[in-house]
Amino acid sequence: MAIYFLKCSFSKEFISGLTYSFTYNKLVDANKMRQFYVNLNFDIAGKSIYLVNNKSLTNQSEFSL
């Protein structure tokens, strides 16, 4: 039983994913007293992409002619 579980848990699968990264840097001016830096990362994969895609498809069918 345990060997079957391990065999199934290591099966090869392709999981699609999206990564979005945004960096805003205002640290270049050394004369300014207040400097600003923001680094944002967004990562989505697996079933989350399916849910977003499925939701967008249902909204499109409401407005079709």
PDB file of N, CA and C in Angstrom:
ATOM      1  N   MET A   1       0.827  -1.201   0.000  1.00  0.00           N
ATOM      2  CA  MET A   1       0.000   0.000   0.000  1.00  0.00           C
ATOM      3  C   MET A   1       0.871   1.264   0.000  1.00  0.00           C
ATOM      4  N   ALA A   2       1.895   1.316   0.833  1.00  0.00           N
ATOM      5  CA  ALA A   2       2.752   2.492   0.915  1.00  0.00           C
ATOM      6  C   ALA A   2       3.563   2.672  -0.359  1.00  0.00           C
ATOM      7  N   ILE A   3       3.994   1.573  -0.976  1.00  0.00           N
ATOM      8  CA  ILE A   3       4.771   1.668  -2.211  1.00  0.00           C
ATOM      9  C   ILE A   3       3.905   2.223  -3.343  1.00  0.00           C
ATOM     10  N   TYR A   4       2.644   1.809  -3.419  1.00  0.00           N
ATOM     11  CA  TYR A   4       1.733   2.315  -4.437  1.00  0.00           C
ATOM     12  C   TYR A   4       1.528   3.818  -4.258  1.00  0.00           C
ATOM     13  N   PHE A   5       1.367   4.254  -3.018  1.00  0.00           N
ATOM     14  CA  PHE A   5       1.187   5.680  -2.734  1.00  0.00           C
ATOM     15  C   PHE A   5       2.409   6.474  -3.191  1.00  0.00           C
ATOM     16  N   LEU A   6       3.611   5.984  -2.886  1.00  0.00           N
ATOM     17  CA  LEU A   6       4.826   6.670  -3.301  1.00  0.00           C
ATOM     18  C   LEU A   6       4.975   6.681  -4.813  1.00  0.00           C
ATOM     19  N   LYS A   7       4.615   5.596  -5.462  1.00  0.00           N
ATOM     20  CA  LYS A   7       4.709   5.518  -6.916  1.00  0.00           C
ATOM     21  C   LYS A   7       3.775   6.538  -7.577  1.00  0.00           C
ATOM     22  N   CYS A   8       2.581   6.680  -7.052  1.00  0.00           N
ATOM     23  CA  CYS A   8       1.623   7.638  -7.625  1.00  0.00           C
ATOM     24  C   CYS A   8       1.994   9.087  -7.308  1.00  0.00           C
ATOM     25  N   SER A   9       2.616   9.322  -6.181  1.00  0.00           N
ATOM     26  CA  SER A   9       2.931  10.696  -5.801  1.00  0.00           C
ATOM     27  C   SER A   9       4.099  11.267  -6.592  1.00  0.00           C
ATOM     28  N   PHE A  10       4.910  10.421  -7.214  1.00  0.00           N
ATOM     29  CA  PHE A  10       6.040  10.892  -7.999  1.00  0.00           C
ATOM     30  C   PHE A  10       5.839  10.702  -9.500  1.00  0.00           C
ATOM     31  N   SER A  11       4.592  10.675  -9.941  1.00  0.00           N
ATOM     32  CA  SER A  11       4.338  10.550 -11.372  1.00  0.00           C
ATOM     33  C   SER A  11       4.694  11.859 -12.077  1.00  0.00           C
ATOM     34  N   LYS A  12       5.150  11.760 -13.311  1.00  0.00           N
ATOM     35  CA  LYS A  12       5.543  12.941 -14.077  1.00  0.00           C
ATOM     36  C   LYS A  12       4.297  13.639 -14.609  1.00  0.00           C
ATOM     37  N   GLU A  13       4.172  14.913 -14.296  1.00  0.00           N
ATOM     38  CA  GLU A  13       3.051  15.715 -14.760  1.00  0.00           C
ATOM     39  C   GLU A  13       3.557  17.089 -15.153  1.00  0.00           C
ATOM     40  N   PHE A  14       2.874  17.690 -16.100  1.00  0.00           N
ATOM     41  CA  PHE A  14       3.177  19.053 -16.503  1.00  0.00           C
ATOM     42  C   PHE A  14       2.163  19.969 -15.843  1.00  0.00           C
ATOM     43  N   ILE A  15       2.634  20.895 -15.045  1.00  0.00           N
ATOM     44  CA  ILE A  15       1.756  21.849 -14.369  1.00  0.00           C
ATOM     45  C   ILE A  15       2.094  23.237 -14.903  1.00  0.00           C
ATOM     46  N   SER A  16       1.136  23.836 -15.590  1.00  0.00           N
ATOM     47  CA  SER A  16       1.379  25.165 -16.146  1.00  0.00           C
ATOM     48  C   SER A  16       1.299  26.222 -15.047  1.00  0.00           C
ATOM     49  N   GLY A  17       2.010  27.297 -15.258  1.00  0.00           N
ATOM     50  CA  GLY A  17       2.010  28.364 -14.272  1.00  0.00           C
ATOM     51  C   GLY A  17       2.374  29.696 -14.896  1.00  0.00           C
ATOM     52  N   LEU A  18       1.991  30.758 -14.212  1.00  0.00           N
ATOM     53  CA  LEU A  18       2.295  32.119 -14.641  1.00  0.00           C
ATOM     54  C   LEU A  18       2.999  32.837 -13.494  1.00  0.00           C
ATOM     55  N   THR A  19       3.997  33.623 -13.839  1.00  0.00           N
ATOM     56  CA  THR A  19       4.698  34.423 -12.852  1.00  0.00           C
ATOM     57  C   THR A  19       4.773  35.852 -13.363  1.00  0.00           C
ATOM     58  N   TYR A  20       4.409  36.803 -12.506  1.00  0.00           N
ATOM     59  CA  TYR A  20       4.476  38.205 -12.849  1.00  0.00           C
ATOM     60  C   TYR A  20       5.294  38.906 -11.781  1.00  0.00           C
ATOM     61  N   SER A  21       6.238  39.706 -12.194  1.00  0.00           N
ATOM     62  CA  SER A  21       7.091  40.432 -11.268  1.00  0.00           C
ATOM     63  C   SER A  21       7.122  41.902 -11.656  1.00  0.00           C
ATOM     64  N   PHE A  22       7.019  42.781 -10.659  1.00  0.00           N
ATOM     65  CA  PHE A  22       7.035  44.223 -10.879  1.00  0.00           C
ATOM     66  C   PHE A  22       8.008  44.847  -9.888  1.00  0.00           C
ATOM     67  N   THR A  23       8.932  45.652 -10.388  1.00  0.00           N
ATOM     68  CA  THR A  23       9.901  46.338  -9.538  1.00  0.00           C
ATOM     69  C   THR A  23       9.874  47.827  -9.850  1.00  0.00           C
ATOM     70  N   TYR A  24       9.723  48.623  -8.808  1.00  0.00           N
ATOM     71  CA  TYR A  24       9.753  50.079  -8.924  1.00  0.00           C
ATOM     72  C   TYR A  24      10.873  50.571  -8.026  1.00  0.00           C
ATOM     73  N   ASN A  25      11.844  51.270  -8.606  1.00  0.00           N
ATOM     74  CA  ASN A  25      13.038  51.655  -7.875  1.00  0.00           C
ATOM     75  C   ASN A  25      13.271  53.159  -7.991  1.00  0.00           C
ATOM     76  N   LYS A  26      13.214  53.857  -6.866  1.00  0.00           N
ATOM     77  CA  LYS A  26      13.547  55.283  -6.811  1.00  0.00           C
ATOM     78  C   LYS A  26      14.721  55.511  -5.854  1.00  0.00           C
ATOM     79  N   LEU A  27      15.628  54.526  -5.782  1.00  0.00           N
ATOM     80  CA  LEU A  27      16.786  54.623  -4.892  1.00  0.00           C
ATOM     81  C   LEU A  27      18.002  55.237  -5.571  1.00  0.00           C
ATOM     82  N   VAL A  28      17.882  55.670  -6.794  1.00  0.00           N
ATOM     83  CA  VAL A  28      19.038  56.135  -7.557  1.00  0.00           C
ATOM     84  C   VAL A  28      19.479  57.545  -7.183  1.00  0.00           C
ATOM     85  N   ASP A  29      18.601  58.349  -6.636  1.00  0.00           N
ATOM     86  CA  ASP A  29      18.953  59.724  -6.282  1.00  0.00           C
ATOM     87  C   ASP A  29      19.428  59.767  -4.826  1.00  0.00           C
ATOM     88  N   ALA A  30      20.727  59.883  -4.628  1.00  0.00           N
ATOM     89  CA  ALA A  30      21.305  59.868  -3.279  1.00  0.00           C
ATOM     90  C   ALA A  30      21.002  61.136  -2.498  1.00  0.00           C
ATOM     91  N   ASN A  31      20.624  62.225  -3.178  1.00  0.00           N
ATOM     92  CA  ASN A  31      20.354  63.492  -2.502  1.00  0.00           C
ATOM     93  C   ASN A  31      18.981  63.540  -1.852  1.00  0.00           C
ATOM     94  N   LYS A  32      18.083  62.687  -2.262  1.00  0.00           N
ATOM     95  CA  LYS A  32      16.734  62.684  -1.694  1.00  0.00           C
ATOM     96  C   LYS A  32      16.740  62.042  -0.308  1.00  0.00           C
ATOM     97  N   MET A  33      15.948  62.615   0.585  1.00  0.00           N
ATOM     98  CA  MET A  33      15.882  62.107   1.948  1.00  0.00           C
ATOM     99  C   MET A  33      15.032  60.836   2.033  1.00  0.00           C
ATOM    100  N   ARG A  34      13.954  60.816   1.289  1.00  0.00           N
ATOM    101  CA  ARG A  34      13.048  59.659   1.308  1.00  0.00           C
ATOM    102  C   ARG A  34      13.123  58.952  -0.037  1.00  0.00           C
ATOM    103  N   GLN A  35      13.563  57.737  -0.008  1.00  0.00           N
ATOM    104  CA  GLN A  35      13.665  56.940  -1.221  1.00  0.00           C
ATOM    105  C   GLN A  35      12.655  55.808  -1.149  1.00  0.00           C
ATOM    106  N   PHE A  36      12.311  55.273  -2.317  1.00  0.00           N
ATOM    107  CA  PHE A  36      11.203  54.318  -2.395  1.00  0.00           C
ATOM    108  C   PHE A  36      11.594  53.138  -3.271  1.00  0.00           C
ATOM    109  N   TYR A  37      11.291  51.936  -2.786  1.00  0.00           N
ATOM    110  CA  TYR A  37      11.564  50.711  -3.536  1.00  0.00           C
ATOM    111  C   TYR A  37      10.426  49.727  -3.298  1.00  0.00           C
ATOM    112  N   VAL A  38       9.870  49.176  -4.382  1.00  0.00           N
ATOM    113  CA  VAL A  38       8.800  48.182  -4.289  1.00  0.00           C
ATOM    114  C   VAL A  38       9.143  47.019  -5.206  1.00  0.00           C
ATOM    115  N   ASN A  39       9.012  45.817  -4.694  1.00  0.00           N
ATOM    116  CA  ASN A  39       9.201  44.610  -5.490  1.00  0.00           C
ATOM    117  C   ASN A  39       8.006  43.695  -5.220  1.00  0.00           C
ATOM    118  N   LEU A  40       7.173  43.476  -6.234  1.00  0.00           N
ATOM    119  CA  LEU A  40       5.983  42.645  -6.113  1.00  0.00           C
ATOM    120  C   LEU A  40       6.124  41.419  -7.002  1.00  0.00           C
ATOM    121  N   ASN A  41       5.750  40.265  -6.475  1.00  0.00           N
ATOM    122  CA  ASN A  41       5.770  39.019  -7.236  1.00  0.00           C
ATOM    123  C   ASN A  41       4.415  38.336  -7.113  1.00  0.00           C
ATOM    124  N   PHE A  42       3.923  37.833  -8.232  1.00  0.00           N
ATOM    125  CA  PHE A  42       2.655  37.109  -8.264  1.00  0.00           C
ATOM    126  C   PHE A  42       2.891  35.802  -9.001  1.00  0.00           C
ATOM    127  N   ASP A  43       2.533  34.697  -8.382  1.00  0.00           N
ATOM    128  CA  ASP A  43       2.759  33.375  -8.967  1.00  0.00           C
ATOM    129  C   ASP A  43       1.471  32.576  -8.854  1.00  0.00           C
ATOM    130  N   ILE A  44       1.013  32.032  -9.965  1.00  0.00           N
ATOM    131  CA  ILE A  44      -0.215  31.239  -9.981  1.00  0.00           C
ATOM    132  C   ILE A  44       0.047  29.990 -10.828  1.00  0.00           C
ATOM    133  N   ALA A  45      -0.454  28.850 -10.354  1.00  0.00           N
ATOM    134  CA  ALA A  45      -0.205  27.598 -11.072  1.00  0.00           C
ATOM    135  C   ALA A  45      -1.305  26.593 -10.772  1.00  0.00           C
ATOM    136  N   GLY A  46      -1.371  25.586 -11.631  1.00  0.00           N
ATOM    137  CA  GLY A  46      -2.259  24.446 -11.401  1.00  0.00           C
ATOM    138  C   GLY A  46      -3.724  24.773 -11.564  1.00  0.00           C
ATOM    139  N   LYS A  47      -4.504  24.354 -10.603  1.00  0.00           N
ATOM    140  CA  LYS A  47      -5.962  24.506 -10.662  1.00  0.00           C
ATOM    141  C   LYS A  47      -6.410  25.959 -10.592  1.00  0.00           C
ATOM    142  N   SER A  48      -5.590  26.835 -10.044  1.00  0.00           N
ATOM    143  CA  SER A  48      -5.948  28.251  -9.966  1.00  0.00           C
ATOM    144  C   SER A  48      -6.120  28.846 -11.347  1.00  0.00           C
ATOM    145  N   ILE A  49      -5.266  28.473 -12.292  1.00  0.00           N
ATOM    146  CA  ILE A  49      -5.391  28.959 -13.670  1.00  0.00           C
ATOM    147  C   ILE A  49      -6.690  28.454 -14.285  1.00  0.00           C
ATOM    148  N   TYR A  50      -7.033  27.215 -14.023  1.00  0.00           N
ATOM    149  CA  TYR A  50      -8.279  26.650 -14.541  1.00  0.00           C
ATOM    150  C   TYR A  50      -9.479  27.420 -13.998  1.00  0.00           C
ATOM    151  N   LEU A  51      -9.460  27.754 -12.702  1.00  0.00           N
ATOM    152  CA  LEU A  51     -10.580  28.489 -12.118  1.00  0.00           C
ATOM    153  C   LEU A  51     -10.721  29.879 -12.714  1.00  0.00           C
ATOM    154  N   VAL A  52      -9.608  30.570 -12.914  1.00  0.00           N
ATOM    155  CA  VAL A  52      -9.654  31.905 -13.515  1.00  0.00           C
ATOM    156  C   VAL A  52     -10.150  31.817 -14.947  1.00  0.00           C
ATOM    157  N   ASN A  53      -9.661  30.862 -15.708  1.00  0.00           N
ATOM    158  CA  ASN A  53     -10.073  30.696 -17.099  1.00  0.00           C
ATOM    159  C   ASN A  53     -11.545  30.303 -17.172  1.00  0.00           C
ATOM    160  N   ASN A  54     -11.984  29.411 -16.324  1.00  0.00           N
ATOM    161  CA  ASN A  54     -13.378  28.971 -16.318  1.00  0.00           C
ATOM    162  C   ASN A  54     -14.308  30.130 -15.963  1.00  0.00           C
ATOM    163  N   LYS A  55     -13.921  30.959 -15.018  1.00  0.00           N
ATOM    164  CA  LYS A  55     -14.733  32.111 -14.622  1.00  0.00           C
ATOM    165  C   LYS A  55     -14.824  33.118 -15.762  1.00  0.00           C
ATOM    166  N   SER A  56     -13.721  33.352 -16.467  1.00  0.00           N
ATOM    167  CA  SER A  56     -13.746  34.315 -17.576  1.00  0.00           C
ATOM    168  C   SER A  56     -14.590  33.790 -18.737  1.00  0.00           C
ATOM    169  N   LEU A  57     -14.586  32.487 -18.977  1.00  0.00           N
ATOM    170  CA  LEU A  57     -15.402  31.920 -20.048  1.00  0.00           C
ATOM    171  C   LEU A  57     -16.878  32.025 -19.736  1.00  0.00           C
ATOM    172  N   THR A  58     -17.269  31.854 -18.469  1.00  0.00           N
ATOM    173  CA  THR A  58     -18.683  31.969 -18.121  1.00  0.00           C
ATOM    174  C   THR A  58     -19.147  33.414 -18.241  1.00  0.00           C
ATOM    175  N   ASN A  59     -18.276  34.381 -17.939  1.00  0.00           N
ATOM    176  CA  ASN A  59     -18.653  35.786 -18.088  1.00  0.00           C
ATOM    177  C   ASN A  59     -18.772  36.184 -19.553  1.00  0.00           C
ATOM    178  N   GLN A  60     -17.964  35.621 -20.433  1.00  0.00           N
ATOM    179  CA  GLN A  60     -18.041  35.951 -21.847  1.00  0.00           C
ATOM    180  C   GLN A  60     -19.332  35.450 -22.467  1.00  0.00           C
ATOM    181  N   SER A  61     -19.825  34.318 -22.044  1.00  0.00           N
ATOM    182  CA  SER A  61     -21.049  33.782 -22.647  1.00  0.00           C
ATOM    183  C   SER A  61     -22.270  34.605 -22.285  1.00  0.00           C
ATOM    184  N   GLU A  62     -22.217  35.372 -21.202  1.00  0.00           N
ATOM    185  CA  GLU A  62     -23.357  36.202 -20.822  1.00  0.00           C
ATOM    186  C   GLU A  62     -23.540  37.381 -21.781  1.00  0.00           C
ATOM    187  N   PHE A  63     -22.449  37.853 -22.380  1.00  0.00           N
ATOM    188  CA  PHE A  63     -22.511  39.030 -23.226  1.00  0.00           C
ATOM    189  C   PHE A  63     -22.399  38.738 -24.714  1.00  0.00           C
ATOM    190  N   SER A  64     -22.505  37.467 -25.083  1.00  0.00           N
ATOM    191  CA  SER A  64     -22.373  37.121 -26.508  1.00  0.00           C
ATOM    192  C   SER A  64     -23.651  37.488 -27.261  1.00  0.00           C
ATOM    193  N   LEU A  65     -23.496  37.816 -28.517  1.00  0.00           N
ATOM    194  CA  LEU A  65     -24.648  38.192 -29.357  1.00  0.00           C
ATOM    195  C   LEU A  65     -25.117  37.036 -30.190  1.00  0.00           C
TER     196      LEU A  65
END
